[in-house]
């Protein structure tokens, strides 16, 4: 689990968030929500200042939920930032679709009671209904195996180190380019 910061370089406002994915994947999801018109302060900033006005940085990697909470609290305090926990990433449904889903949810208890009545009468409910319910189970993001999770954490750490080394190399290259430019400027001034 990763704690990341988003800094609006125009306003200086810092946002702190967490993700199980890479911060870049989470940023893409947040940008998509902003373009979809989801309402939140961050999305208003993205729409007003543009995606290019934000700087994304990985702040820390947590091994467990308690450490994640602690690191998030530290980042929020350090930057006096806005917490992105619980920020919506999907637009709320229009009123018409709410009515349709309410009608579907009202029909679901009737279907369940009919299948229960069939079970009491000695007939078993359809296997396809049971299989359909099992396939709708949402993933939790956990693998259920500590060795798999350790490998995942190691892979995340390697990715983070690779990103940091690439960033250092980019900064070194820019530094060298700037030194060459300054040397040219100095040599012109001495003529």
N, C-alpha and C. Protein backbone atom coordinates (compact mmCIF):
# COMPACT_ATOMS: atom_id res chain seq x y z
N UNK A 1 0.85 -1.17 0.00
CA UNK A 1 0.00 0.00 0.00
C UNK A 1 0.89 1.23 0.00
N UNK A 2 0.54 2.17 -0.83
CA UNK A 2 1.40 3.33 -1.07
C UNK A 2 0.69 4.61 -0.64
N UNK A 3 1.43 5.48 0.03
CA UNK A 3 0.96 6.82 0.35
C UNK A 3 1.61 7.74 -0.68
N UNK A 4 0.79 8.57 -1.35
CA UNK A 4 1.32 9.47 -2.36
C UNK A 4 0.83 10.89 -2.11
N UNK A 5 1.54 11.85 -2.70
CA UNK A 5 1.13 13.24 -2.60
C UNK A 5 0.89 13.79 -4.00
N UNK A 6 -0.10 14.64 -4.11
CA UNK A 6 -0.39 15.39 -5.34
C UNK A 6 -0.27 16.86 -4.98
N UNK A 7 0.59 17.56 -5.66
CA UNK A 7 0.79 18.98 -5.37
C UNK A 7 0.36 19.81 -6.57
N UNK A 8 -0.55 20.74 -6.33
CA UNK A 8 -0.94 21.69 -7.36
C UNK A 8 0.17 22.74 -7.40
N UNK A 9 0.99 22.73 -8.43
CA UNK A 9 2.15 23.61 -8.50
C UNK A 9 1.76 25.07 -8.68
N UNK A 10 0.53 25.33 -9.08
CA UNK A 10 0.08 26.72 -9.23
C UNK A 10 -0.38 27.31 -7.90
N UNK A 11 -1.10 26.52 -7.12
CA UNK A 11 -1.65 27.02 -5.87
C UNK A 11 -0.86 26.59 -4.65
N UNK A 12 -0.05 25.54 -4.78
CA UNK A 12 0.70 25.01 -3.65
C UNK A 12 -0.11 24.05 -2.79
N UNK A 13 -1.37 23.83 -3.12
CA UNK A 13 -2.22 22.93 -2.34
C UNK A 13 -1.72 21.49 -2.52
N UNK A 14 -1.61 20.77 -1.41
CA UNK A 14 -1.14 19.39 -1.43
C UNK A 14 -2.30 18.48 -1.04
N UNK A 15 -2.42 17.38 -1.74
CA UNK A 15 -3.41 16.35 -1.45
C UNK A 15 -2.63 15.08 -1.12
N UNK A 16 -3.12 14.31 -0.13
CA UNK A 16 -2.48 13.05 0.25
C UNK A 16 -3.49 11.94 0.04
N UNK A 17 -3.05 10.88 -0.65
CA UNK A 17 -3.92 9.74 -0.89
C UNK A 17 -3.16 8.44 -0.71
N UNK A 18 -3.90 7.35 -0.77
CA UNK A 18 -3.32 6.01 -0.66
C UNK A 18 -3.83 5.16 -1.81
N UNK A 19 -3.04 4.15 -2.17
CA UNK A 19 -3.44 3.26 -3.25
C UNK A 19 -2.76 1.91 -3.09
N UNK A 20 -3.41 0.89 -3.58
CA UNK A 20 -2.79 -0.43 -3.67
C UNK A 20 -2.09 -0.58 -5.02
N UNK A 21 -2.52 0.23 -5.99
CA UNK A 21 -1.91 0.23 -7.32
C UNK A 21 -0.72 1.18 -7.29
N UNK A 22 -0.21 1.52 -8.43
CA UNK A 22 0.85 2.53 -8.48
C UNK A 22 0.20 3.91 -8.39
N UNK A 23 0.93 4.90 -7.89
CA UNK A 23 0.35 6.25 -7.85
C UNK A 23 -0.04 6.75 -9.24
N UNK A 24 0.69 6.33 -10.26
CA UNK A 24 0.37 6.76 -11.62
C UNK A 24 -0.99 6.21 -12.06
N UNK A 25 -1.29 4.96 -11.69
CA UNK A 25 -2.60 4.38 -12.03
C UNK A 25 -3.71 5.12 -11.29
N UNK A 26 -3.48 5.45 -10.03
CA UNK A 26 -4.47 6.17 -9.25
C UNK A 26 -4.67 7.58 -9.83
N UNK A 27 -3.59 8.22 -10.26
CA UNK A 27 -3.67 9.55 -10.86
C UNK A 27 -4.52 9.51 -12.13
N UNK A 28 -4.32 8.47 -12.94
CA UNK A 28 -5.10 8.33 -14.17
C UNK A 28 -6.59 8.18 -13.82
N UNK A 29 -6.89 7.43 -12.76
CA UNK A 29 -8.27 7.25 -12.33
C UNK A 29 -8.86 8.59 -11.84
N UNK A 30 -8.08 9.36 -11.10
CA UNK A 30 -8.55 10.66 -10.61
C UNK A 30 -8.78 11.63 -11.77
N UNK A 31 -7.88 11.63 -12.75
CA UNK A 31 -8.04 12.51 -13.92
C UNK A 31 -9.29 12.13 -14.72
N UNK A 32 -9.55 10.84 -14.83
CA UNK A 32 -10.75 10.38 -15.54
C UNK A 32 -12.00 10.86 -14.81
N UNK A 33 -11.99 10.75 -13.48
CA UNK A 33 -13.14 11.21 -12.70
C UNK A 33 -13.35 12.71 -12.88
N UNK A 34 -12.25 13.47 -12.94
CA UNK A 34 -12.38 14.91 -13.14
C UNK A 34 -12.99 15.21 -14.51
N UNK A 35 -12.55 14.48 -15.53
CA UNK A 35 -13.10 14.71 -16.87
C UNK A 35 -14.53 14.23 -16.99
N UNK A 36 -14.92 13.27 -16.13
CA UNK A 36 -16.30 12.78 -16.13
C UNK A 36 -17.25 13.72 -15.38
N UNK A 37 -16.69 14.75 -14.74
CA UNK A 37 -17.53 15.72 -14.06
C UNK A 37 -17.86 15.39 -12.63
N UNK A 38 -17.12 14.46 -12.01
CA UNK A 38 -17.35 14.13 -10.60
C UNK A 38 -17.01 15.36 -9.77
N UNK A 39 -17.81 15.63 -8.74
CA UNK A 39 -17.63 16.82 -7.93
C UNK A 39 -16.81 16.54 -6.69
N UNK A 40 -15.69 17.23 -6.56
CA UNK A 40 -14.83 17.24 -5.37
C UNK A 40 -13.82 18.36 -5.58
N UNK A 41 -13.22 18.83 -4.48
CA UNK A 41 -12.27 19.95 -4.57
C UNK A 41 -11.11 19.62 -5.51
N UNK A 42 -10.56 18.40 -5.39
CA UNK A 42 -9.45 18.01 -6.25
C UNK A 42 -9.85 18.08 -7.72
N UNK A 43 -11.01 17.56 -8.05
CA UNK A 43 -11.45 17.54 -9.44
C UNK A 43 -11.66 18.95 -9.98
N UNK A 44 -12.17 19.85 -9.13
CA UNK A 44 -12.33 21.24 -9.54
C UNK A 44 -10.96 21.85 -9.84
N UNK A 45 -9.96 21.53 -8.98
CA UNK A 45 -8.60 22.01 -9.23
C UNK A 45 -8.05 21.47 -10.54
N UNK A 46 -8.27 20.18 -10.79
CA UNK A 46 -7.76 19.57 -12.02
C UNK A 46 -8.40 20.23 -13.24
N UNK A 47 -9.72 20.45 -13.18
CA UNK A 47 -10.41 21.07 -14.31
C UNK A 47 -9.97 22.53 -14.49
N UNK A 48 -9.75 23.23 -13.39
CA UNK A 48 -9.38 24.66 -13.46
C UNK A 48 -7.92 24.86 -13.87
N UNK A 49 -7.01 24.09 -13.27
CA UNK A 49 -5.57 24.31 -13.51
C UNK A 49 -4.98 23.39 -14.57
N UNK A 50 -5.65 22.28 -14.86
CA UNK A 50 -5.14 21.32 -15.82
C UNK A 50 -4.30 20.24 -15.15
N UNK A 51 -4.24 19.08 -15.78
CA UNK A 51 -3.50 17.95 -15.24
C UNK A 51 -2.02 18.25 -15.13
N UNK A 52 -1.50 19.04 -16.04
CA UNK A 52 -0.06 19.34 -16.05
C UNK A 52 0.37 20.17 -14.85
N UNK A 53 -0.58 20.80 -14.16
CA UNK A 53 -0.26 21.64 -13.01
C UNK A 53 -0.03 20.83 -11.74
N UNK A 54 -0.15 19.52 -11.82
CA UNK A 54 -0.02 18.68 -10.63
C UNK A 54 1.26 17.86 -10.68
N UNK A 55 1.88 17.75 -9.53
CA UNK A 55 3.09 16.94 -9.39
C UNK A 55 2.75 15.76 -8.48
N UNK A 56 2.96 14.56 -8.98
CA UNK A 56 2.65 13.33 -8.27
C UNK A 56 3.94 12.76 -7.70
N UNK A 57 3.92 12.41 -6.41
CA UNK A 57 5.09 11.81 -5.79
C UNK A 57 4.67 10.69 -4.85
N UNK A 58 5.41 9.62 -4.90
CA UNK A 58 5.23 8.55 -3.93
C UNK A 58 5.86 9.01 -2.63
N UNK A 59 5.12 8.95 -1.52
CA UNK A 59 5.63 9.47 -0.27
C UNK A 59 6.16 8.36 0.62
N UNK A 60 5.46 7.22 0.68
CA UNK A 60 5.90 6.11 1.52
C UNK A 60 5.19 4.83 1.09
N UNK A 61 5.75 3.70 1.51
CA UNK A 61 5.14 2.39 1.27
C UNK A 61 4.87 1.77 2.63
N UNK A 62 3.63 1.34 2.85
CA UNK A 62 3.22 0.75 4.12
C UNK A 62 3.09 -0.77 3.98
N UNK A 63 3.47 -1.47 5.04
CA UNK A 63 3.38 -2.92 5.04
C UNK A 63 2.03 -3.45 5.50
N UNK A 64 1.34 -2.64 6.32
CA UNK A 64 0.03 -3.07 6.81
C UNK A 64 -0.87 -1.85 7.01
N UNK A 65 -2.11 -2.10 7.37
CA UNK A 65 -3.10 -1.04 7.47
C UNK A 65 -2.77 -0.03 8.56
N UNK A 66 -2.27 -0.51 9.70
CA UNK A 66 -1.93 0.40 10.79
C UNK A 66 -0.80 1.34 10.37
N UNK A 67 0.20 0.80 9.70
CA UNK A 67 1.30 1.62 9.22
C UNK A 67 0.81 2.61 8.16
N UNK A 68 -0.11 2.16 7.30
CA UNK A 68 -0.68 3.04 6.28
C UNK A 68 -1.38 4.24 6.91
N UNK A 69 -2.17 3.97 7.95
CA UNK A 69 -2.87 5.07 8.63
C UNK A 69 -1.87 6.04 9.27
N UNK A 70 -0.83 5.50 9.90
CA UNK A 70 0.17 6.33 10.54
C UNK A 70 0.90 7.19 9.51
N UNK A 71 1.32 6.58 8.41
CA UNK A 71 2.05 7.32 7.38
C UNK A 71 1.17 8.39 6.73
N UNK A 72 -0.10 8.05 6.53
CA UNK A 72 -1.03 9.03 5.96
C UNK A 72 -1.19 10.22 6.89
N UNK A 73 -1.34 9.96 8.19
CA UNK A 73 -1.47 11.04 9.16
C UNK A 73 -0.21 11.91 9.17
N UNK A 74 0.96 11.29 9.07
CA UNK A 74 2.22 12.05 9.04
C UNK A 74 2.30 12.94 7.81
N UNK A 75 1.94 12.40 6.66
CA UNK A 75 1.98 13.18 5.42
C UNK A 75 0.98 14.34 5.49
N UNK A 76 -0.21 14.08 6.00
CA UNK A 76 -1.21 15.14 6.12
C UNK A 76 -0.71 16.26 7.02
N UNK A 77 -0.06 15.89 8.14
CA UNK A 77 0.46 16.89 9.07
C UNK A 77 1.64 17.65 8.46
N UNK A 78 2.54 16.92 7.81
CA UNK A 78 3.74 17.54 7.24
C UNK A 78 3.40 18.58 6.18
N UNK A 79 2.45 18.26 5.31
CA UNK A 79 2.12 19.15 4.21
C UNK A 79 0.90 20.02 4.46
N UNK A 80 0.24 19.83 5.62
CA UNK A 80 -1.04 20.49 5.90
C UNK A 80 -1.95 20.29 4.69
N UNK A 81 -2.09 19.02 4.33
CA UNK A 81 -2.73 18.62 3.08
C UNK A 81 -4.20 18.26 3.28
N UNK A 82 -4.84 18.04 2.15
CA UNK A 82 -6.22 17.55 2.11
C UNK A 82 -6.17 16.05 1.89
N UNK A 83 -6.94 15.32 2.69
CA UNK A 83 -6.97 13.87 2.60
C UNK A 83 -7.88 13.44 1.45
N UNK A 84 -7.40 12.55 0.59
CA UNK A 84 -8.19 12.06 -0.53
C UNK A 84 -8.96 10.79 -0.20
N UNK A 85 -8.86 10.33 1.06
CA UNK A 85 -9.58 9.12 1.43
C UNK A 85 -11.08 9.35 1.29
N UNK A 86 -11.72 8.45 0.60
CA UNK A 86 -13.16 8.53 0.41
C UNK A 86 -13.60 9.42 -0.74
N UNK A 87 -12.66 9.95 -1.50
CA UNK A 87 -13.03 10.82 -2.62
C UNK A 87 -13.77 9.99 -3.67
N UNK A 88 -14.91 10.47 -4.15
CA UNK A 88 -15.64 9.69 -5.16
C UNK A 88 -14.89 9.67 -6.48
N UNK A 89 -14.97 8.54 -7.16
CA UNK A 89 -14.32 8.44 -8.47
C UNK A 89 -15.32 8.20 -9.58
N UNK A 90 -16.59 8.15 -9.22
CA UNK A 90 -17.65 7.98 -10.22
C UNK A 90 -18.72 9.01 -9.94
N UNK A 91 -19.31 9.50 -11.02
CA UNK A 91 -20.42 10.45 -10.88
C UNK A 91 -21.61 9.74 -10.27
N UNK A 92 -22.37 10.47 -9.47
CA UNK A 92 -23.57 9.86 -8.89
C UNK A 92 -24.55 9.57 -10.01
N UNK A 93 -25.37 8.54 -9.77
CA UNK A 93 -26.33 8.14 -10.80
C UNK A 93 -27.42 9.17 -10.95
N UNK A 94 -27.90 9.36 -12.18
CA UNK A 94 -29.05 10.25 -12.38
C UNK A 94 -30.28 9.70 -11.67
N UNK A 95 -31.23 10.56 -11.40
CA UNK A 95 -32.42 10.16 -10.66
C UNK A 95 -33.16 9.03 -11.34
N UNK A 96 -33.24 9.01 -12.65
CA UNK A 96 -33.95 7.95 -13.37
C UNK A 96 -33.31 6.59 -13.15
N UNK A 97 -31.99 6.52 -13.16
CA UNK A 97 -31.34 5.23 -12.97
C UNK A 97 -31.48 4.78 -11.52
N UNK A 98 -31.59 5.73 -10.58
CA UNK A 98 -31.83 5.37 -9.19
C UNK A 98 -33.18 4.67 -9.07
N UNK A 99 -34.19 5.19 -9.77
CA UNK A 99 -35.51 4.59 -9.71
C UNK A 99 -35.47 3.18 -10.26
N UNK A 100 -34.74 2.99 -11.38
CA UNK A 100 -34.66 1.66 -11.98
C UNK A 100 -33.97 0.69 -11.05
N UNK A 101 -32.89 1.11 -10.37
CA UNK A 101 -32.19 0.19 -9.50
C UNK A 101 -33.04 -0.11 -8.27
N UNK A 102 -33.86 0.87 -7.81
CA UNK A 102 -34.75 0.61 -6.69
C UNK A 102 -35.80 -0.41 -7.09
N UNK A 103 -36.29 -0.33 -8.32
CA UNK A 103 -37.29 -1.30 -8.79
C UNK A 103 -36.66 -2.68 -8.88
N UNK A 104 -35.41 -2.76 -9.34
CA UNK A 104 -34.73 -4.05 -9.44
C UNK A 104 -34.47 -4.62 -8.05
N UNK A 105 -34.09 -3.75 -7.08
CA UNK A 105 -33.82 -4.25 -5.74
C UNK A 105 -35.12 -4.67 -5.06
N UNK A 106 -36.25 -4.05 -5.42
CA UNK A 106 -37.53 -4.47 -4.86
C UNK A 106 -37.94 -5.82 -5.43
N UNK A 107 -37.56 -6.09 -6.67
CA UNK A 107 -37.90 -7.37 -7.28
C UNK A 107 -37.03 -8.49 -6.73
N UNK A 108 -35.83 -8.18 -6.27
CA UNK A 108 -34.91 -9.20 -5.77
C UNK A 108 -35.46 -9.96 -4.56
N UNK A 109 -36.05 -9.28 -3.53
CA UNK A 109 -36.61 -10.05 -2.41
C UNK A 109 -37.75 -10.96 -2.84
N UNK A 110 -38.54 -10.53 -3.82
CA UNK A 110 -39.63 -11.38 -4.30
C UNK A 110 -39.06 -12.64 -4.94
N UNK A 111 -37.98 -12.50 -5.72
CA UNK A 111 -37.35 -13.66 -6.35
C UNK A 111 -36.75 -14.58 -5.29
N UNK A 112 -36.14 -13.98 -4.24
CA UNK A 112 -35.56 -14.79 -3.18
C UNK A 112 -36.64 -15.55 -2.43
N UNK A 113 -37.75 -14.88 -2.14
CA UNK A 113 -38.81 -15.57 -1.40
C UNK A 113 -39.43 -16.68 -2.25
N UNK A 114 -39.48 -16.49 -3.57
CA UNK A 114 -40.00 -17.54 -4.44
C UNK A 114 -39.05 -18.74 -4.44
N UNK A 115 -37.74 -18.49 -4.45
CA UNK A 115 -36.81 -19.62 -4.44
C UNK A 115 -36.83 -20.31 -3.09
N UNK A 116 -37.02 -19.53 -2.00
CA UNK A 116 -37.13 -20.14 -0.68
C UNK A 116 -38.39 -20.98 -0.58
N UNK A 117 -39.49 -20.50 -1.18
CA UNK A 117 -40.74 -21.26 -1.17
C UNK A 117 -40.55 -22.57 -1.94
N UNK A 118 -39.81 -22.50 -3.05
CA UNK A 118 -39.54 -23.71 -3.81
C UNK A 118 -38.69 -24.68 -3.00
N UNK A 119 -37.77 -24.18 -2.22
CA UNK A 119 -36.91 -25.03 -1.40
C UNK A 119 -37.74 -25.70 -0.32
N UNK A 120 -38.69 -24.97 0.25
CA UNK A 120 -39.56 -25.56 1.28
C UNK A 120 -40.46 -26.61 0.67
N UNK A 121 -40.83 -26.42 -0.59
CA UNK A 121 -41.72 -27.36 -1.24
C UNK A 121 -40.96 -28.59 -1.73
N UNK A 122 -39.66 -28.63 -1.55
CA UNK A 122 -38.89 -29.80 -1.94
C UNK A 122 -38.14 -29.63 -3.24
N UNK A 123 -38.25 -28.48 -3.90
CA UNK A 123 -37.49 -28.25 -5.13
C UNK A 123 -36.31 -27.35 -4.81
N UNK A 124 -35.18 -27.65 -5.38
CA UNK A 124 -33.97 -26.87 -5.12
C UNK A 124 -33.94 -25.64 -6.03
N UNK A 125 -33.37 -24.54 -5.53
CA UNK A 125 -33.23 -23.37 -6.39
C UNK A 125 -32.26 -23.66 -7.53
N UNK A 126 -32.39 -22.92 -8.58
CA UNK A 126 -31.57 -23.12 -9.77
C UNK A 126 -30.09 -22.92 -9.46
N UNK A 127 -29.22 -23.78 -10.02
CA UNK A 127 -27.77 -23.66 -9.81
C UNK A 127 -27.22 -22.43 -10.50
N UNK A 128 -27.85 -22.01 -11.60
CA UNK A 128 -27.33 -20.85 -12.31
C UNK A 128 -27.47 -19.60 -11.45
N UNK A 129 -28.52 -19.50 -10.65
CA UNK A 129 -28.69 -18.35 -9.76
C UNK A 129 -27.60 -18.34 -8.71
N UNK A 130 -27.28 -19.48 -8.14
CA UNK A 130 -26.23 -19.56 -7.13
C UNK A 130 -24.87 -19.24 -7.75
N UNK A 131 -24.60 -19.75 -8.93
CA UNK A 131 -23.32 -19.48 -9.59
C UNK A 131 -23.21 -18.00 -9.96
N UNK A 132 -24.32 -17.40 -10.37
CA UNK A 132 -24.31 -15.99 -10.75
C UNK A 132 -23.97 -15.13 -9.54
N UNK A 133 -24.51 -15.46 -8.38
CA UNK A 133 -24.21 -14.72 -7.16
C UNK A 133 -22.75 -14.84 -6.77
N UNK A 134 -22.15 -15.99 -6.98
CA UNK A 134 -20.75 -16.19 -6.62
C UNK A 134 -19.83 -15.39 -7.52
N UNK A 135 -20.21 -15.24 -8.80
CA UNK A 135 -19.33 -14.52 -9.72
C UNK A 135 -19.39 -13.01 -9.49
N UNK A 136 -20.39 -12.51 -8.77
CA UNK A 136 -20.50 -11.08 -8.50
C UNK A 136 -19.68 -10.64 -7.29
N UNK A 137 -18.96 -11.55 -6.66
CA UNK A 137 -18.15 -11.22 -5.50
C UNK A 137 -17.03 -10.27 -5.92
N UNK A 138 -16.87 -9.19 -5.18
CA UNK A 138 -15.87 -8.19 -5.49
C UNK A 138 -14.51 -8.60 -4.94
N UNK A 139 -13.44 -8.32 -5.66
CA UNK A 139 -12.12 -8.63 -5.14
C UNK A 139 -11.77 -7.68 -3.99
N UNK A 140 -11.03 -8.19 -3.01
CA UNK A 140 -10.66 -7.38 -1.85
C UNK A 140 -9.32 -6.72 -2.00
N UNK A 141 -8.52 -7.14 -2.99
CA UNK A 141 -7.19 -6.59 -3.15
C UNK A 141 -6.16 -7.36 -2.36
N UNK A 142 -6.59 -8.34 -1.63
CA UNK A 142 -5.68 -9.18 -0.86
C UNK A 142 -5.60 -10.54 -1.52
N UNK A 143 -4.43 -11.15 -1.46
CA UNK A 143 -4.24 -12.42 -2.15
C UNK A 143 -4.59 -13.61 -1.29
N UNK A 144 -4.64 -13.45 0.03
CA UNK A 144 -4.94 -14.56 0.91
C UNK A 144 -3.71 -15.38 1.24
N UNK A 145 -2.58 -14.99 0.75
CA UNK A 145 -1.34 -15.72 1.01
C UNK A 145 -0.26 -14.71 1.38
N UNK A 146 0.35 -14.92 2.53
CA UNK A 146 1.38 -13.97 2.97
C UNK A 146 2.58 -13.98 2.03
N UNK A 147 2.91 -15.13 1.46
CA UNK A 147 4.05 -15.17 0.54
C UNK A 147 3.75 -14.37 -0.73
N UNK A 148 2.52 -14.49 -1.23
CA UNK A 148 2.15 -13.71 -2.41
C UNK A 148 2.18 -12.22 -2.09
N UNK A 149 1.64 -11.86 -0.94
CA UNK A 149 1.63 -10.45 -0.55
C UNK A 149 3.04 -9.92 -0.37
N UNK A 150 3.93 -10.75 0.17
CA UNK A 150 5.33 -10.33 0.33
C UNK A 150 5.95 -10.08 -1.04
N UNK A 151 5.68 -10.97 -2.01
CA UNK A 151 6.20 -10.79 -3.36
C UNK A 151 5.65 -9.52 -3.99
N UNK A 152 4.37 -9.25 -3.75
CA UNK A 152 3.74 -8.04 -4.28
C UNK A 152 4.41 -6.81 -3.68
N UNK A 153 4.61 -6.82 -2.35
CA UNK A 153 5.27 -5.68 -1.70
C UNK A 153 6.68 -5.49 -2.24
N UNK A 154 7.40 -6.60 -2.45
CA UNK A 154 8.75 -6.52 -3.00
C UNK A 154 8.73 -5.94 -4.41
N UNK A 155 7.75 -6.36 -5.22
CA UNK A 155 7.63 -5.84 -6.58
C UNK A 155 7.32 -4.35 -6.55
N UNK A 156 6.46 -3.94 -5.65
CA UNK A 156 6.12 -2.51 -5.52
C UNK A 156 7.36 -1.73 -5.12
N UNK A 157 8.13 -2.27 -4.19
CA UNK A 157 9.36 -1.61 -3.75
C UNK A 157 10.36 -1.51 -4.89
N UNK A 158 10.49 -2.56 -5.69
CA UNK A 158 11.40 -2.52 -6.83
C UNK A 158 10.96 -1.47 -7.85
N UNK A 159 9.65 -1.41 -8.10
CA UNK A 159 9.13 -0.39 -9.02
C UNK A 159 9.42 1.00 -8.50
N UNK A 160 9.23 1.21 -7.19
CA UNK A 160 9.49 2.50 -6.58
C UNK A 160 10.96 2.87 -6.73
N UNK A 161 11.85 1.90 -6.47
CA UNK A 161 13.28 2.17 -6.60
C UNK A 161 13.65 2.47 -8.05
N UNK A 162 13.03 1.76 -8.98
CA UNK A 162 13.30 2.01 -10.41
C UNK A 162 12.84 3.42 -10.80
N UNK A 163 11.66 3.83 -10.30
CA UNK A 163 11.17 5.17 -10.58
C UNK A 163 12.09 6.23 -9.99
N UNK A 164 12.57 5.97 -8.76
CA UNK A 164 13.47 6.92 -8.12
C UNK A 164 14.79 7.02 -8.88
N UNK A 165 15.34 5.89 -9.31
CA UNK A 165 16.61 5.95 -10.04
C UNK A 165 16.43 6.63 -11.40
N UNK A 166 15.29 6.39 -12.04
CA UNK A 166 15.02 7.07 -13.31
C UNK A 166 14.89 8.57 -13.09
N UNK A 167 14.25 8.96 -12.00
CA UNK A 167 14.10 10.38 -11.67
C UNK A 167 15.47 11.00 -11.38
N UNK A 168 16.32 10.29 -10.62
CA UNK A 168 17.67 10.80 -10.35
C UNK A 168 18.46 10.94 -11.64
N UNK A 169 18.35 9.96 -12.55
CA UNK A 169 19.07 10.03 -13.82
C UNK A 169 18.58 11.22 -14.65
N UNK A 170 17.27 11.45 -14.65
CA UNK A 170 16.70 12.58 -15.37
C UNK A 170 17.21 13.90 -14.79
N UNK A 171 17.23 13.98 -13.47
CA UNK A 171 17.73 15.20 -12.82
C UNK A 171 19.21 15.41 -13.11
N UNK A 172 19.99 14.33 -13.11
CA UNK A 172 21.42 14.42 -13.40
C UNK A 172 21.63 14.93 -14.83
N UNK A 173 20.83 14.39 -15.77
CA UNK A 173 20.93 14.81 -17.16
C UNK A 173 20.59 16.30 -17.30
N UNK A 174 19.53 16.72 -16.63
CA UNK A 174 19.15 18.13 -16.69
C UNK A 174 20.23 19.01 -16.08
N UNK A 175 20.85 18.53 -15.01
CA UNK A 175 21.92 19.27 -14.36
C UNK A 175 23.11 19.43 -15.30
N UNK A 176 23.45 18.34 -15.98
CA UNK A 176 24.57 18.39 -16.93
C UNK A 176 24.26 19.32 -18.10
N UNK A 177 23.03 19.28 -18.60
CA UNK A 177 22.63 20.18 -19.68
C UNK A 177 22.72 21.63 -19.23
N UNK A 178 22.26 21.90 -18.01
CA UNK A 178 22.30 23.26 -17.49
C UNK A 178 23.74 23.71 -17.31
N UNK A 179 24.62 22.84 -16.85
CA UNK A 179 26.03 23.20 -16.68
C UNK A 179 26.66 23.52 -18.03
N UNK A 180 26.32 22.74 -19.06
CA UNK A 180 26.85 23.00 -20.40
C UNK A 180 26.36 24.36 -20.92
N UNK A 181 25.11 24.67 -20.70
CA UNK A 181 24.55 25.95 -21.13
C UNK A 181 25.23 27.09 -20.39
N UNK A 182 25.43 26.94 -19.09
CA UNK A 182 26.08 27.98 -18.29
C UNK A 182 27.52 28.18 -18.74
N UNK A 183 28.20 27.07 -19.10
CA UNK A 183 29.58 27.17 -19.57
C UNK A 183 29.63 27.95 -20.89
N UNK A 184 28.68 27.69 -21.78
CA UNK A 184 28.62 28.43 -23.04
C UNK A 184 28.39 29.91 -22.81
N UNK A 185 27.49 30.22 -21.87
CA UNK A 185 27.18 31.61 -21.57
C UNK A 185 28.42 32.29 -20.99
N UNK A 186 29.11 31.59 -20.08
CA UNK A 186 30.33 32.16 -19.48
C UNK A 186 31.40 32.40 -20.53
N UNK A 187 31.54 31.44 -21.47
CA UNK A 187 32.58 31.59 -22.47
C UNK A 187 32.27 32.76 -23.42
N UNK A 188 31.02 33.04 -23.66
CA UNK A 188 30.65 34.19 -24.50
C UNK A 188 30.97 35.51 -23.80
N UNK A 189 30.78 35.53 -22.49
CA UNK A 189 31.02 36.74 -21.73
C UNK A 189 32.49 37.09 -21.61
N UNK A 190 33.36 36.11 -21.72
CA UNK A 190 34.80 36.33 -21.58
C UNK A 190 35.45 36.82 -22.86
N UNK A 191 34.77 36.72 -23.95
CA UNK A 191 35.36 37.14 -25.26
C UNK A 191 35.47 38.59 -25.37
